[in-house]
Amino acid sequence: MLTPDEIARRVERGRSLMLPVGVASDLDAASASARELRASLPEDLWVFASPGSVSGGPVLVVMRLVGAAEAKELRPALEVLIADFRQCAGALVAALRADVLPAHDSGDEYPGEVEAAGVTWLIEVHGEHCRFEDPVSGVVVEANTYDPDLLDPYFLLLFARTSGRHDAVLAACVHGFHDMCRLLDLAEVGYG
């Protein structure tokens, strides 16, 4: 096994390092190894256990996430993304509550769309979330129907990708969800 210093030197931004744990290890043991290794690495390195291949057993995946300095520079762009998402999610959930949920509560099927701000959005309600998609522009807003301001890193990243208005944040999220979590953590923005 490589030392933490060797791992830190080998892991480049945008690439992952896969470390075999051993065929005899199960995923719980690999997860414990990931937590142990994570504690010995610089804060911008993230480690998690993956099932790996059937024949090779679990592996540890190490990624270099967005650094603190870059996250600080991106903070204004992240705040714009969050405000944009919350504005869209709020308007869409308000339309859902006004037009769709009352019909459902009276026994009707969920309609497949809702109109907000002059745009007809396709909807898919699932649990406490609703996926809104503009079929013309491709923008996707996945929002919590009880609290549209609540942020989910994956949903925020999906909105950034599909809206076409948040390139700086997207460029920093080379590891997708993991980088978005790190940006939110460093900005001390809560998410659920």
N, C-alpha and C. Protein backbone atom coordinates (compact mmCIF):
# COMPACT_ATOMS: atom_id res chain seq x y z
N MET A 1 0.85 -1.19 0.00
CA MET A 1 0.00 0.00 0.00
C MET A 1 0.89 1.24 0.00
N LEU A 2 0.47 2.25 -0.74
CA LEU A 2 1.19 3.51 -0.80
C LEU A 2 1.04 4.28 0.51
N THR A 3 2.01 5.11 0.81
CA THR A 3 1.89 5.97 1.99
C THR A 3 0.97 7.13 1.66
N PRO A 4 0.42 7.80 2.67
CA PRO A 4 -0.41 8.97 2.41
C PRO A 4 0.32 10.04 1.58
N ASP A 5 1.61 10.26 1.84
CA ASP A 5 2.37 11.24 1.05
C ASP A 5 2.47 10.82 -0.41
N GLU A 6 2.70 9.54 -0.65
CA GLU A 6 2.77 9.05 -2.03
C GLU A 6 1.42 9.19 -2.73
N ILE A 7 0.37 8.90 -2.01
CA ILE A 7 -0.97 9.04 -2.59
C ILE A 7 -1.23 10.50 -2.95
N ALA A 8 -0.92 11.40 -2.02
CA ALA A 8 -1.14 12.83 -2.26
C ALA A 8 -0.38 13.32 -3.49
N ARG A 9 0.82 12.82 -3.69
CA ARG A 9 1.62 13.22 -4.86
C ARG A 9 1.05 12.64 -6.16
N ARG A 10 0.47 11.48 -6.10
CA ARG A 10 -0.01 10.80 -7.32
C ARG A 10 -1.38 11.26 -7.81
N VAL A 11 -2.19 11.76 -6.90
CA VAL A 11 -3.56 12.10 -7.29
C VAL A 11 -3.61 13.51 -7.87
N GLU A 12 -3.94 13.58 -9.15
CA GLU A 12 -4.05 14.86 -9.85
C GLU A 12 -5.52 15.26 -9.93
N ARG A 13 -5.74 16.55 -10.02
CA ARG A 13 -7.09 17.08 -10.18
C ARG A 13 -7.71 16.51 -11.46
N GLY A 14 -8.92 16.02 -11.35
CA GLY A 14 -9.63 15.48 -12.50
C GLY A 14 -9.39 14.00 -12.76
N ARG A 15 -8.51 13.39 -11.98
CA ARG A 15 -8.22 11.96 -12.15
C ARG A 15 -8.43 11.28 -10.81
N SER A 16 -8.70 10.00 -10.86
CA SER A 16 -8.88 9.22 -9.64
C SER A 16 -7.77 8.19 -9.53
N LEU A 17 -7.43 7.86 -8.31
CA LEU A 17 -6.48 6.79 -8.03
C LEU A 17 -7.27 5.65 -7.39
N MET A 18 -7.14 4.46 -7.95
CA MET A 18 -7.84 3.29 -7.43
C MET A 18 -6.83 2.43 -6.68
N LEU A 19 -7.13 2.16 -5.42
CA LEU A 19 -6.26 1.34 -4.59
C LEU A 19 -6.98 0.05 -4.21
N PRO A 20 -6.46 -1.10 -4.64
CA PRO A 20 -7.12 -2.36 -4.27
C PRO A 20 -7.05 -2.58 -2.76
N VAL A 21 -8.13 -3.09 -2.22
CA VAL A 21 -8.19 -3.37 -0.78
C VAL A 21 -7.86 -4.83 -0.53
N GLY A 22 -8.24 -5.67 -1.44
CA GLY A 22 -8.00 -7.11 -1.28
C GLY A 22 -9.28 -7.88 -1.52
N VAL A 23 -9.14 -9.00 -2.18
CA VAL A 23 -10.30 -9.82 -2.53
C VAL A 23 -11.06 -10.26 -1.28
N ALA A 24 -10.35 -10.51 -0.21
CA ALA A 24 -10.99 -11.02 1.01
C ALA A 24 -11.78 -9.95 1.75
N SER A 25 -11.56 -8.68 1.45
CA SER A 25 -12.25 -7.59 2.15
C SER A 25 -13.69 -7.46 1.67
N ASP A 26 -14.56 -7.12 2.60
CA ASP A 26 -15.92 -6.80 2.20
C ASP A 26 -16.05 -5.27 2.15
N LEU A 27 -17.18 -4.78 1.70
CA LEU A 27 -17.35 -3.35 1.51
C LEU A 27 -17.32 -2.59 2.84
N ASP A 28 -17.80 -3.20 3.92
CA ASP A 28 -17.74 -2.54 5.23
C ASP A 28 -16.30 -2.34 5.67
N ALA A 29 -15.48 -3.35 5.49
CA ALA A 29 -14.06 -3.24 5.84
C ALA A 29 -13.38 -2.21 4.95
N ALA A 30 -13.73 -2.21 3.67
CA ALA A 30 -13.15 -1.23 2.75
C ALA A 30 -13.57 0.19 3.13
N SER A 31 -14.81 0.36 3.56
CA SER A 31 -15.28 1.68 3.99
C SER A 31 -14.53 2.16 5.22
N ALA A 32 -14.25 1.25 6.14
CA ALA A 32 -13.45 1.60 7.32
C ALA A 32 -12.04 2.00 6.90
N SER A 33 -11.47 1.28 5.94
CA SER A 33 -10.14 1.64 5.43
C SER A 33 -10.16 3.01 4.76
N ALA A 34 -11.24 3.31 4.05
CA ALA A 34 -11.37 4.61 3.39
C ALA A 34 -11.40 5.73 4.41
N ARG A 35 -12.16 5.55 5.49
CA ARG A 35 -12.22 6.58 6.54
C ARG A 35 -10.86 6.77 7.20
N GLU A 36 -10.17 5.68 7.44
CA GLU A 36 -8.84 5.75 8.07
C GLU A 36 -7.85 6.48 7.15
N LEU A 37 -7.85 6.13 5.88
CA LEU A 37 -6.95 6.78 4.94
C LEU A 37 -7.30 8.26 4.79
N ARG A 38 -8.58 8.56 4.70
CA ARG A 38 -9.03 9.95 4.54
C ARG A 38 -8.49 10.83 5.66
N ALA A 39 -8.45 10.32 6.86
CA ALA A 39 -7.98 11.09 8.01
C ALA A 39 -6.50 11.45 7.91
N SER A 40 -5.75 10.71 7.10
CA SER A 40 -4.30 10.96 7.01
C SER A 40 -3.91 11.75 5.76
N LEU A 41 -4.89 12.17 4.97
CA LEU A 41 -4.61 12.87 3.72
C LEU A 41 -4.95 14.35 3.82
N PRO A 42 -4.41 15.17 2.91
CA PRO A 42 -4.79 16.58 2.89
C PRO A 42 -6.30 16.73 2.69
N GLU A 43 -6.83 17.86 3.14
CA GLU A 43 -8.29 18.04 3.15
C GLU A 43 -8.94 18.06 1.77
N ASP A 44 -8.17 18.33 0.71
CA ASP A 44 -8.77 18.34 -0.62
C ASP A 44 -8.79 16.96 -1.28
N LEU A 45 -8.31 15.94 -0.59
CA LEU A 45 -8.37 14.58 -1.11
C LEU A 45 -9.55 13.84 -0.47
N TRP A 46 -10.36 13.24 -1.30
CA TRP A 46 -11.53 12.51 -0.83
C TRP A 46 -11.33 11.03 -1.13
N VAL A 47 -11.73 10.19 -0.21
CA VAL A 47 -11.58 8.74 -0.36
C VAL A 47 -12.91 8.07 -0.07
N PHE A 48 -13.27 7.12 -0.91
CA PHE A 48 -14.44 6.30 -0.63
C PHE A 48 -14.20 4.89 -1.13
N ALA A 49 -14.96 3.97 -0.57
CA ALA A 49 -14.86 2.56 -0.97
C ALA A 49 -15.83 2.30 -2.10
N SER A 50 -15.39 1.49 -3.05
CA SER A 50 -16.23 1.09 -4.17
C SER A 50 -16.19 -0.44 -4.25
N PRO A 51 -17.30 -1.05 -4.68
CA PRO A 51 -17.30 -2.51 -4.77
C PRO A 51 -16.23 -3.06 -5.71
N GLY A 52 -15.78 -2.25 -6.66
CA GLY A 52 -14.76 -2.73 -7.60
C GLY A 52 -15.33 -3.79 -8.52
N SER A 53 -14.47 -4.65 -9.01
CA SER A 53 -14.92 -5.73 -9.89
C SER A 53 -15.23 -6.96 -9.05
N VAL A 54 -16.01 -7.84 -9.62
CA VAL A 54 -16.40 -9.06 -8.91
C VAL A 54 -15.17 -9.88 -8.52
N SER A 55 -14.23 -10.01 -9.44
CA SER A 55 -13.07 -10.86 -9.16
C SER A 55 -12.00 -10.15 -8.33
N GLY A 56 -11.96 -8.82 -8.39
CA GLY A 56 -10.89 -8.10 -7.71
C GLY A 56 -11.22 -7.60 -6.33
N GLY A 57 -12.47 -7.64 -5.94
CA GLY A 57 -12.86 -7.15 -4.63
C GLY A 57 -12.94 -5.64 -4.59
N PRO A 58 -13.25 -5.08 -3.42
CA PRO A 58 -13.43 -3.64 -3.29
C PRO A 58 -12.13 -2.86 -3.52
N VAL A 59 -12.31 -1.60 -3.88
CA VAL A 59 -11.18 -0.70 -4.06
C VAL A 59 -11.47 0.60 -3.32
N LEU A 60 -10.41 1.32 -3.00
CA LEU A 60 -10.54 2.67 -2.48
C LEU A 60 -10.32 3.62 -3.65
N VAL A 61 -11.19 4.59 -3.78
CA VAL A 61 -11.08 5.59 -4.83
C VAL A 61 -10.66 6.89 -4.17
N VAL A 62 -9.57 7.48 -4.66
CA VAL A 62 -9.05 8.73 -4.11
C VAL A 62 -9.14 9.80 -5.20
N MET A 63 -9.73 10.94 -4.85
CA MET A 63 -9.89 12.05 -5.79
C MET A 63 -9.40 13.34 -5.15
N ARG A 64 -8.82 14.20 -5.97
CA ARG A 64 -8.45 15.54 -5.50
C ARG A 64 -9.59 16.47 -5.87
N LEU A 65 -10.25 17.01 -4.86
CA LEU A 65 -11.39 17.89 -5.07
C LEU A 65 -10.94 19.34 -5.18
N VAL A 66 -11.89 20.19 -5.45
CA VAL A 66 -11.61 21.62 -5.60
C VAL A 66 -10.90 22.13 -4.34
N GLY A 67 -9.85 22.91 -4.54
CA GLY A 67 -9.07 23.44 -3.43
C GLY A 67 -9.73 24.63 -2.76
N ALA A 68 -9.28 24.94 -1.57
CA ALA A 68 -9.87 26.04 -0.80
C ALA A 68 -9.70 27.38 -1.51
N ALA A 69 -8.54 27.63 -2.12
CA ALA A 69 -8.32 28.91 -2.80
C ALA A 69 -9.25 29.06 -4.00
N GLU A 70 -9.39 28.00 -4.80
CA GLU A 70 -10.29 28.06 -5.95
C GLU A 70 -11.74 28.21 -5.49
N ALA A 71 -12.11 27.52 -4.44
CA ALA A 71 -13.47 27.63 -3.91
C ALA A 71 -13.76 29.05 -3.44
N LYS A 72 -12.77 29.68 -2.83
CA LYS A 72 -12.94 31.06 -2.37
C LYS A 72 -13.17 31.99 -3.56
N GLU A 73 -12.40 31.79 -4.62
CA GLU A 73 -12.58 32.60 -5.83
C GLU A 73 -13.95 32.37 -6.46
N LEU A 74 -14.44 31.15 -6.37
CA LEU A 74 -15.72 30.78 -6.98
C LEU A 74 -16.93 31.14 -6.11
N ARG A 75 -16.70 31.57 -4.90
CA ARG A 75 -17.81 31.82 -3.98
C ARG A 75 -18.89 32.73 -4.58
N PRO A 76 -18.53 33.86 -5.20
CA PRO A 76 -19.59 34.70 -5.80
C PRO A 76 -20.38 33.95 -6.88
N ALA A 77 -19.71 33.19 -7.72
CA ALA A 77 -20.39 32.43 -8.77
C ALA A 77 -21.29 31.35 -8.16
N LEU A 78 -20.83 30.71 -7.09
CA LEU A 78 -21.64 29.71 -6.40
C LEU A 78 -22.88 30.36 -5.80
N GLU A 79 -22.72 31.54 -5.22
CA GLU A 79 -23.87 32.24 -4.64
C GLU A 79 -24.89 32.61 -5.71
N VAL A 80 -24.41 33.00 -6.90
CA VAL A 80 -25.33 33.30 -8.01
C VAL A 80 -26.08 32.03 -8.42
N LEU A 81 -25.37 30.92 -8.52
CA LEU A 81 -26.00 29.64 -8.86
C LEU A 81 -27.07 29.28 -7.84
N ILE A 82 -26.75 29.40 -6.57
CA ILE A 82 -27.70 29.05 -5.51
C ILE A 82 -28.93 29.95 -5.59
N ALA A 83 -28.72 31.25 -5.77
CA ALA A 83 -29.85 32.18 -5.87
C ALA A 83 -30.71 31.87 -7.08
N ASP A 84 -30.07 31.58 -8.21
CA ASP A 84 -30.79 31.24 -9.44
C ASP A 84 -31.62 29.97 -9.23
N PHE A 85 -31.00 28.94 -8.65
CA PHE A 85 -31.71 27.69 -8.38
C PHE A 85 -32.91 27.94 -7.46
N ARG A 86 -32.67 28.65 -6.36
CA ARG A 86 -33.75 28.87 -5.39
C ARG A 86 -34.90 29.68 -5.99
N GLN A 87 -34.57 30.65 -6.84
CA GLN A 87 -35.63 31.44 -7.48
C GLN A 87 -36.46 30.55 -8.39
N CYS A 88 -35.79 29.75 -9.23
CA CYS A 88 -36.51 28.84 -10.14
C CYS A 88 -37.30 27.81 -9.36
N ALA A 89 -36.67 27.18 -8.39
CA ALA A 89 -37.34 26.14 -7.60
C ALA A 89 -38.55 26.71 -6.87
N GLY A 90 -38.39 27.90 -6.29
CA GLY A 90 -39.49 28.52 -5.56
C GLY A 90 -40.69 28.79 -6.46
N ALA A 91 -40.43 29.35 -7.65
CA ALA A 91 -41.51 29.65 -8.59
C ALA A 91 -42.20 28.37 -9.07
N LEU A 92 -41.41 27.35 -9.36
CA LEU A 92 -41.97 26.10 -9.86
C LEU A 92 -42.77 25.36 -8.79
N VAL A 93 -42.26 25.32 -7.58
CA VAL A 93 -42.99 24.66 -6.49
C VAL A 93 -44.27 25.43 -6.17
N ALA A 94 -44.22 26.76 -6.24
CA ALA A 94 -45.43 27.55 -6.01
C ALA A 94 -46.49 27.21 -7.06
N ALA A 95 -46.08 27.09 -8.32
CA ALA A 95 -47.02 26.72 -9.38
C ALA A 95 -47.54 25.29 -9.16
N LEU A 96 -46.67 24.40 -8.75
CA LEU A 96 -47.08 23.02 -8.45
C LEU A 96 -48.13 23.00 -7.35
N ARG A 97 -47.87 23.75 -6.28
CA ARG A 97 -48.80 23.77 -5.16
C ARG A 97 -50.14 24.39 -5.56
N ALA A 98 -50.10 25.41 -6.40
CA ALA A 98 -51.33 26.10 -6.79
C ALA A 98 -52.14 25.32 -7.82
N ASP A 99 -51.47 24.68 -8.77
CA ASP A 99 -52.17 24.09 -9.90
C ASP A 99 -52.25 22.57 -9.90
N VAL A 100 -51.28 21.90 -9.34
CA VAL A 100 -51.20 20.45 -9.47
C VAL A 100 -51.65 19.73 -8.20
N LEU A 101 -51.11 20.12 -7.07
CA LEU A 101 -51.41 19.40 -5.84
C LEU A 101 -52.89 19.44 -5.45
N PRO A 102 -53.60 20.58 -5.63
CA PRO A 102 -55.03 20.55 -5.31
C PRO A 102 -55.81 19.53 -6.15
N ALA A 103 -55.45 19.41 -7.42
CA ALA A 103 -56.12 18.42 -8.27
C ALA A 103 -55.84 17.01 -7.77
N HIS A 104 -54.60 16.76 -7.40
CA HIS A 104 -54.24 15.43 -6.90
C HIS A 104 -54.95 15.14 -5.59
N ASP A 105 -55.02 16.16 -4.71
CA ASP A 105 -55.67 15.96 -3.42
C ASP A 105 -57.16 15.65 -3.57
N SER A 106 -57.76 16.08 -4.69
CA SER A 106 -59.18 15.79 -4.91
C SER A 106 -59.39 14.48 -5.66
N GLY A 107 -58.31 13.71 -5.85
CA GLY A 107 -58.43 12.39 -6.44
C GLY A 107 -58.04 12.29 -7.90
N ASP A 108 -57.69 13.40 -8.52
CA ASP A 108 -57.28 13.36 -9.93
C ASP A 108 -55.84 12.88 -10.04
N GLU A 109 -55.50 12.39 -11.22
CA GLU A 109 -54.11 12.01 -11.50
C GLU A 109 -53.25 13.27 -11.54
N TYR A 110 -51.97 13.10 -11.24
CA TYR A 110 -51.05 14.22 -11.44
C TYR A 110 -51.01 14.56 -12.92
N PRO A 111 -51.21 15.83 -13.26
CA PRO A 111 -50.98 16.18 -14.66
C PRO A 111 -49.49 16.08 -14.95
N GLY A 112 -49.14 15.95 -16.18
CA GLY A 112 -47.74 15.77 -16.54
C GLY A 112 -46.99 17.06 -16.73
N GLU A 113 -47.65 18.20 -16.49
CA GLU A 113 -46.97 19.48 -16.70
C GLU A 113 -47.57 20.56 -15.82
N VAL A 114 -46.81 21.64 -15.71
CA VAL A 114 -47.25 22.82 -14.97
C VAL A 114 -46.70 24.03 -15.70
N GLU A 115 -47.42 25.14 -15.62
CA GLU A 115 -46.95 26.36 -16.27
C GLU A 115 -46.43 27.32 -15.20
N ALA A 116 -45.27 27.89 -15.48
CA ALA A 116 -44.68 28.89 -14.59
C ALA A 116 -43.90 29.88 -15.43
N ALA A 117 -44.13 31.16 -15.20
CA ALA A 117 -43.43 32.24 -15.89
C ALA A 117 -43.51 32.09 -17.41
N GLY A 118 -44.67 31.66 -17.91
CA GLY A 118 -44.87 31.55 -19.35
C GLY A 118 -44.23 30.33 -20.00
N VAL A 119 -43.70 29.43 -19.20
CA VAL A 119 -43.06 28.22 -19.73
C VAL A 119 -43.84 27.00 -19.22
N THR A 120 -44.09 26.07 -20.11
CA THR A 120 -44.72 24.81 -19.71
C THR A 120 -43.62 23.81 -19.37
N TRP A 121 -43.62 23.37 -18.12
CA TRP A 121 -42.61 22.45 -17.60
C TRP A 121 -43.21 21.06 -17.47
N LEU A 122 -42.49 20.05 -17.90
CA LEU A 122 -42.87 18.67 -17.64
C LEU A 122 -42.56 18.39 -16.18
N ILE A 123 -43.42 17.63 -15.52
CA ILE A 123 -43.17 17.35 -14.10
C ILE A 123 -43.21 15.85 -13.82
N GLU A 124 -42.44 15.49 -12.81
CA GLU A 124 -42.44 14.12 -12.31
C GLU A 124 -42.31 14.21 -10.79
N VAL A 125 -43.43 14.02 -10.10
CA VAL A 125 -43.43 14.08 -8.64
C VAL A 125 -43.01 12.71 -8.12
N HIS A 126 -42.05 12.72 -7.20
CA HIS A 126 -41.61 11.48 -6.57
C HIS A 126 -41.22 11.78 -5.14
N GLY A 127 -42.01 11.24 -4.23
CA GLY A 127 -41.77 11.49 -2.81
C GLY A 127 -41.89 12.97 -2.51
N GLU A 128 -40.90 13.49 -1.81
CA GLU A 128 -40.92 14.91 -1.45
C GLU A 128 -40.29 15.80 -2.51
N HIS A 129 -39.89 15.21 -3.62
CA HIS A 129 -39.26 15.97 -4.70
C HIS A 129 -40.12 15.98 -5.96
N CYS A 130 -39.86 16.98 -6.77
CA CYS A 130 -40.47 17.03 -8.09
C CYS A 130 -39.39 17.44 -9.08
N ARG A 131 -39.35 16.72 -10.18
CA ARG A 131 -38.44 17.06 -11.27
C ARG A 131 -39.23 17.90 -12.27
N PHE A 132 -38.75 19.10 -12.51
CA PHE A 132 -39.34 20.00 -13.49
C PHE A 132 -38.37 20.07 -14.66
N GLU A 133 -38.88 19.89 -15.88
CA GLU A 133 -38.00 19.98 -17.04
C GLU A 133 -38.66 20.81 -18.12
N ASP A 134 -37.93 21.81 -18.58
CA ASP A 134 -38.38 22.62 -19.71
C ASP A 134 -38.02 21.84 -20.97
N PRO A 135 -39.02 21.31 -21.70
CA PRO A 135 -38.71 20.47 -22.85
C PRO A 135 -38.07 21.23 -24.01
N VAL A 136 -38.18 22.54 -24.01
CA VAL A 136 -37.59 23.35 -25.08
C VAL A 136 -36.12 23.63 -24.79
N SER A 137 -35.84 24.15 -23.60
CA SER A 137 -34.45 24.52 -23.27
C SER A 137 -33.65 23.38 -22.67
N GLY A 138 -34.35 22.39 -22.08
CA GLY A 138 -33.66 21.29 -21.42
C GLY A 138 -33.29 21.56 -19.98
N VAL A 139 -33.65 22.73 -19.45
CA VAL A 139 -33.34 23.05 -18.06
C VAL A 139 -34.09 22.10 -17.14
N VAL A 140 -33.38 21.57 -16.15
CA VAL A 140 -33.98 20.67 -15.17
C VAL A 140 -33.81 21.27 -13.78
N VAL A 141 -34.92 21.36 -13.07
CA VAL A 141 -34.93 21.81 -11.68
C VAL A 141 -35.55 20.69 -10.86
N GLU A 142 -34.76 20.08 -10.03
CA GLU A 142 -35.24 19.02 -9.13
C GLU A 142 -35.35 19.67 -7.76
N ALA A 143 -36.59 19.82 -7.27
CA ALA A 143 -36.81 20.61 -6.05
C ALA A 143 -37.57 19.83 -5.00
N ASN A 144 -37.30 20.18 -3.75
CA ASN A 144 -38.04 19.65 -2.62
C ASN A 144 -39.37 20.39 -2.58
N THR A 145 -40.48 19.67 -2.61
CA THR A 145 -41.79 20.32 -2.68
C THR A 145 -42.23 20.93 -1.35
N TYR A 146 -41.60 20.54 -0.26
CA TYR A 146 -41.92 21.12 1.04
C TYR A 146 -41.04 22.32 1.35
N ASP A 147 -39.83 22.31 0.83
CA ASP A 147 -38.88 23.40 1.08
C ASP A 147 -38.02 23.60 -0.16
N PRO A 148 -38.51 24.39 -1.13
CA PRO A 148 -37.77 24.55 -2.39
C PRO A 148 -36.41 25.22 -2.24
N ASP A 149 -36.16 25.87 -1.11
CA ASP A 149 -34.84 26.47 -0.88
C ASP A 149 -33.80 25.45 -0.44
N LEU A 150 -34.25 24.26 -0.04
CA LEU A 150 -33.33 23.23 0.42
C LEU A 150 -32.44 22.79 -0.75
N LEU A 151 -31.16 22.74 -0.51
CA LEU A 151 -30.20 22.38 -1.55
C LEU A 151 -29.80 20.92 -1.45
N ASP A 152 -29.71 20.29 -2.59
CA ASP A 152 -29.16 18.95 -2.73
C ASP A 152 -28.01 19.10 -3.72
N PRO A 153 -26.79 18.71 -3.36
CA PRO A 153 -25.65 18.93 -4.26
C PRO A 153 -25.84 18.35 -5.66
N TYR A 154 -26.42 17.17 -5.76
CA TYR A 154 -26.63 16.57 -7.08
C TYR A 154 -27.63 17.38 -7.89
N PHE A 155 -28.74 17.78 -7.25
CA PHE A 155 -29.76 18.55 -7.96
C PHE A 155 -29.23 19.92 -8.37
N LEU A 156 -28.43 20.53 -7.51
CA LEU A 156 -27.84 21.83 -7.83
C LEU A 156 -26.89 21.70 -9.02
N LEU A 157 -26.10 20.65 -9.04
CA LEU A 157 -25.19 20.39 -10.15
C LEU A 157 -25.97 20.14 -11.44
N LEU A 158 -27.04 19.38 -11.36
CA LEU A 158 -27.88 19.12 -12.53
C LEU A 158 -28.45 20.42 -13.08
N PHE A 159 -28.91 21.29 -12.21
CA PHE A 159 -29.44 22.59 -12.64
C PHE A 159 -28.33 23.41 -13.30
N ALA A 160 -27.15 23.43 -12.70
CA ALA A 160 -26.03 24.19 -13.28
C ALA A 160 -25.71 23.67 -14.68
N ARG A 161 -25.71 22.36 -14.84
CA ARG A 161 -25.40 21.75 -16.15
C ARG A 161 -26.44 22.09 -17.20
N THR A 162 -27.70 22.02 -16.82
CA THR A 162 -28.76 22.17 -17.82
C THR A 162 -29.15 23.62 -18.08
N SER A 163 -28.87 24.52 -17.15
CA SER A 163 -29.27 25.92 -17.34
C SER A 163 -28.34 26.66 -18.29
N GLY A 164 -27.08 26.22 -18.38
CA GLY A 164 -26.14 26.89 -19.27
C GLY A 164 -25.69 28.26 -18.78
N ARG A 165 -25.92 28.57 -17.51
CA ARG A 165 -25.59 29.90 -17.00
C ARG A 165 -24.52 29.90 -15.91
N HIS A 166 -23.93 28.76 -15.63
CA HIS A 166 -23.03 28.68 -14.47
C HIS A 166 -21.75 27.93 -14.81
N ASP A 167 -21.11 28.35 -15.88
CA ASP A 167 -19.93 27.65 -16.40
C ASP A 167 -18.77 27.59 -15.43
N ALA A 168 -18.54 28.66 -14.67
CA ALA A 168 -17.39 28.67 -13.76
C ALA A 168 -17.53 27.60 -12.68
N VAL A 169 -18.72 27.47 -12.13
CA VAL A 169 -18.95 26.45 -11.11
C VAL A 169 -18.85 25.06 -11.73
N LEU A 170 -19.43 24.89 -12.90
CA LEU A 170 -19.35 23.59 -13.57
C LEU A 170 -17.91 23.19 -13.85
N ALA A 171 -17.11 24.14 -14.30
CA ALA A 171 -15.71 23.84 -14.62
C ALA A 171 -14.95 23.36 -13.38
N ALA A 172 -15.34 23.85 -12.21
CA ALA A 172 -14.68 23.44 -10.97
C ALA A 172 -15.14 22.07 -10.49
N CYS A 173 -16.27 21.62 -10.98
CA CYS A 173 -16.84 20.34 -10.52
C CYS A 173 -16.41 19.19 -11.42
N VAL A 174 -15.11 19.00 -11.54
CA VAL A 174 -14.60 17.93 -12.39
C VAL A 174 -14.96 16.55 -11.83
N HIS A 175 -15.18 16.47 -10.55
CA HIS A 175 -15.63 15.21 -9.93
C HIS A 175 -17.10 15.31 -9.54
N GLY A 176 -17.85 16.12 -10.28
CA GLY A 176 -19.29 16.21 -10.14
C GLY A 176 -19.78 16.46 -8.73
N PHE A 177 -20.62 15.55 -8.26
CA PHE A 177 -21.25 15.65 -6.95
C PHE A 177 -20.24 15.92 -5.83
N HIS A 178 -19.12 15.23 -5.86
CA HIS A 178 -18.12 15.36 -4.79
C HIS A 178 -17.55 16.78 -4.73
N ASP A 179 -17.27 17.36 -5.90
CA ASP A 179 -16.77 18.74 -5.91
C ASP A 179 -17.86 19.72 -5.49
N MET A 180 -19.10 19.48 -5.90
CA MET A 180 -20.19 20.37 -5.48
C MET A 180 -20.35 20.33 -3.97
N CYS A 181 -20.29 19.15 -3.37
CA CYS A 181 -20.35 19.05 -1.91
C CYS A 181 -19.23 19.86 -1.27
N ARG A 182 -18.03 19.73 -1.81
CA ARG A 182 -16.88 20.46 -1.26
C ARG A 182 -17.08 21.97 -1.39
N LEU A 183 -17.56 22.44 -2.54
CA LEU A 183 -17.82 23.87 -2.70
C LEU A 183 -18.82 24.36 -1.66
N LEU A 184 -19.90 23.61 -1.47
CA LEU A 184 -20.91 24.00 -0.49
C LEU A 184 -20.35 23.96 0.93
N ASP A 185 -19.57 22.93 1.23
CA ASP A 185 -18.96 22.82 2.56
C ASP A 185 -18.02 24.00 2.84
N LEU A 186 -17.16 24.31 1.87
CA LEU A 186 -16.20 25.40 2.07
C LEU A 186 -16.90 26.76 2.17
N ALA A 187 -18.05 26.89 1.50
CA ALA A 187 -18.82 28.13 1.58
C ALA A 187 -19.73 28.15 2.81
N GLU A 188 -19.70 27.04 3.56
CA GLU A 188 -20.54 26.87 4.75
C GLU A 188 -22.02 27.05 4.43
N VAL A 189 -22.41 26.47 3.28
CA VAL A 189 -23.81 26.47 2.86
C VAL A 189 -24.38 25.10 3.19
N GLY A 190 -25.41 25.08 3.99
CA GLY A 190 -26.00 23.81 4.38
C GLY A 190 -26.77 23.16 3.24
N TYR A 191 -26.82 21.86 3.27
CA TYR A 191 -27.59 21.12 2.27
C TYR A 191 -28.12 19.85 2.92
N GLY A 192 -29.09 19.26 2.27
CA GLY A 192 -29.70 18.07 2.86
C GLY A 192 -29.89 16.98 1.86
